[in-house]
Amino acid sequence: MSGGVLGEGKVSQGGPRGSLIDSYRMYKFHINLFGDPFTCTWEECAAALEGLPRMIFEPDGSWIWSGGVGNERWQIDGHLFDFAGVLHRVELHGACPTEEFDRLLACFDWPNLELNYEMVREGVQLTETEFRQQMTCAGPA
């Protein structure tokens, strides 16, 4: 599963002049997140993740977070990895709307912490700006 956008989503009329608004953009990804270093512990991230609605979190650090219905259904499978007592990386695999992606990143102290993105299949490391550009420009995966 390589990164990309799963279509442009719902387009609706908005505003007084009827401008078109892209109201549902979805990222599709398989990435590792790295902090330099993470400012939160494994336990703090686990607690933040467990606070998300429709989150299933396992004691080994693996989890599934899902939402939406029908054509707007999405799911992310993830795993927290620690090393020497600190959070080392977070693996994320799935698809979700951009707003939910940002909500998920907040569990890892984003936007206060700059995150590095590793595209797993491609073996490429990206900054957040580069990652989001790729998600926006890649088109359907």
Protein backbone atom coordinates (compact mmCIF):
# COMPACT_ATOMS: atom_id res chain seq x y z
CA MET A 1 0.00 0.00 0.00
CA SER A 2 1.82 3.15 -1.10
CA GLY A 3 0.93 6.67 -0.05
CA GLY A 4 -1.70 8.64 -1.88
CA VAL A 5 -5.04 10.31 -1.70
CA LEU A 6 -8.14 8.15 -1.97
CA GLY A 7 -10.00 10.46 -4.30
CA GLU A 8 -11.19 13.97 -3.80
CA GLY A 9 -14.12 12.96 -1.64
CA LYS A 10 -17.44 14.71 -1.40
CA VAL A 11 -17.72 18.00 -3.19
CA SER A 12 -20.46 20.30 -2.00
CA GLN A 13 -21.77 23.75 -2.80
CA GLY A 14 -20.70 26.25 -0.19
CA GLY A 15 -20.70 29.95 0.51
CA PRO A 16 -22.96 32.61 -0.90
CA ARG A 17 -21.50 32.32 -4.40
CA GLY A 18 -21.76 28.52 -4.58
CA SER A 19 -18.00 27.83 -4.61
CA LEU A 20 -16.95 24.18 -4.69
CA ILE A 21 -15.39 22.89 -1.48
CA ASP A 22 -13.40 19.68 -1.13
CA SER A 23 -14.88 18.48 2.15
CA TYR A 24 -13.43 14.99 2.52
CA ARG A 25 -9.80 14.31 1.61
CA MET A 26 -8.38 10.96 2.69
CA TYR A 27 -4.72 10.02 3.18
CA LYS A 28 -3.62 6.46 2.47
CA PHE A 29 -0.25 5.49 3.97
CA HIS A 30 2.19 3.03 5.52
CA ILE A 31 4.67 5.07 7.53
CA ASN A 32 6.90 5.13 10.57
CA LEU A 33 6.89 8.30 12.65
CA PHE A 34 10.04 9.38 14.47
CA GLY A 35 10.51 12.20 16.96
CA ASP A 36 13.92 13.74 17.42
CA PRO A 37 13.42 12.63 20.15
CA PHE A 38 9.79 12.07 21.14
CA THR A 39 8.86 14.33 24.05
CA CYS A 40 6.19 11.94 25.37
CA THR A 41 6.70 8.49 26.87
CA TRP A 42 5.23 5.26 25.53
CA GLU A 43 2.76 5.31 28.43
CA GLU A 44 1.69 8.92 27.76
CA CYS A 45 1.11 8.18 24.08
CA ALA A 46 -0.79 5.02 24.96
CA ALA A 47 -3.07 6.98 27.31
CA ALA A 48 -3.69 9.65 24.65
CA LEU A 49 -4.52 7.01 22.03
CA GLU A 50 -6.90 5.21 24.40
CA GLY A 51 -8.83 8.50 24.71
CA LEU A 52 -9.75 8.52 21.01
CA PRO A 53 -13.27 7.30 20.15
CA ARG A 54 -13.51 3.86 18.50
CA MET A 55 -9.93 3.05 19.53
CA ILE A 56 -8.96 -0.53 20.34
CA PHE A 57 -5.62 -0.49 22.18
CA GLU A 58 -3.72 -3.63 23.21
CA PRO A 59 -1.18 -3.84 26.07
CA ASP A 60 1.65 -4.70 23.63
CA GLY A 61 1.25 -1.28 21.96
CA SER A 62 -0.68 -2.41 18.90
CA TRP A 63 -3.96 -0.68 18.11
CA ILE A 64 -6.73 -0.11 15.59
CA TRP A 65 -8.58 3.17 15.20
CA SER A 66 -11.55 3.44 12.85
CA GLY A 67 -14.34 5.77 11.93
CA GLY A 68 -16.80 6.82 9.28
CA VAL A 69 -19.45 4.72 7.60
CA GLY A 70 -20.08 3.42 4.09
CA ASN A 71 -17.83 5.00 1.46
CA GLU A 72 -16.32 7.24 4.13
CA ARG A 73 -15.16 4.36 6.37
CA TRP A 74 -11.52 4.49 7.38
CA GLN A 75 -9.12 2.55 9.59
CA ILE A 76 -5.57 2.90 10.87
CA ASP A 77 -3.55 0.02 12.31
CA GLY A 78 -0.71 1.21 14.49
CA HIS A 79 1.99 0.11 16.86
CA LEU A 80 4.08 1.94 19.46
CA PHE A 81 7.72 0.87 19.80
CA ASP A 82 9.96 1.81 22.71
CA PHE A 83 13.69 1.40 23.11
CA ALA A 84 15.80 1.97 26.22
CA GLY A 85 12.78 3.28 28.12
CA VAL A 86 11.65 5.89 25.59
CA LEU A 87 9.23 5.94 22.67
CA HIS A 88 11.33 5.10 19.61
CA ARG A 89 8.87 5.07 16.70
CA VAL A 90 5.22 4.73 15.76
CA GLU A 91 4.11 2.59 12.82
CA LEU A 92 0.91 3.68 11.02
CA HIS A 93 -0.79 1.75 8.23
CA GLY A 94 -4.16 2.57 6.71
CA ALA A 95 -6.26 5.48 5.54
CA CYS A 96 -8.12 8.34 7.19
CA PRO A 97 -9.36 11.89 6.55
CA THR A 98 -6.75 14.62 7.02
CA GLU A 99 -8.56 16.00 10.07
CA GLU A 100 -8.41 12.61 11.81
CA PHE A 101 -4.75 12.23 10.83
CA ASP A 102 -4.01 15.51 12.62
CA ARG A 103 -6.05 14.35 15.63
CA LEU A 104 -3.94 11.18 15.75
CA LEU A 105 -0.65 13.10 15.50
CA ALA A 106 -1.69 15.18 18.51
CA CYS A 107 -1.34 11.99 20.60
CA PHE A 108 2.42 12.21 19.92
CA ASP A 109 2.75 15.90 20.95
CA TRP A 110 2.31 17.27 17.42
CA PRO A 111 2.36 20.12 16.43
CA ASN A 112 4.71 21.02 19.31
CA LEU A 113 7.10 18.28 18.18
CA GLU A 114 8.48 18.10 14.66
CA LEU A 115 7.92 14.57 13.35
CA ASN A 116 9.90 12.72 10.68
CA TYR A 117 8.05 10.43 8.30
CA GLU A 118 9.47 7.24 6.82
CA MET A 119 7.56 5.76 3.89
CA VAL A 120 7.93 2.06 4.74
CA ARG A 121 7.64 0.47 1.30
CA GLU A 122 9.64 3.16 -0.47
CA GLY A 123 12.33 3.40 2.24
CA VAL A 124 12.25 7.20 2.00
CA GLN A 125 12.38 9.69 4.88
CA LEU A 126 10.32 12.87 4.54
CA THR A 127 9.65 16.02 6.49
CA GLU A 128 6.03 16.74 7.38
CA THR A 129 5.73 19.22 4.51
CA GLU A 130 7.10 16.68 2.02
CA PHE A 131 4.82 13.94 3.38
CA ARG A 132 1.70 16.11 3.11
CA GLN A 133 2.67 17.22 -0.39
CA GLN A 134 3.01 13.61 -1.43
CA MET A 135 -0.38 12.76 0.09
CA THR A 136 -2.00 15.69 -1.71
CA CYS A 137 -0.30 15.29 -5.09
CA ALA A 138 -0.06 11.52 -5.43
CA GLY A 139 -3.66 11.03 -6.57
CA PRO A 140 -5.54 7.80 -5.96
CA ALA A 141 -3.28 4.96 -4.81
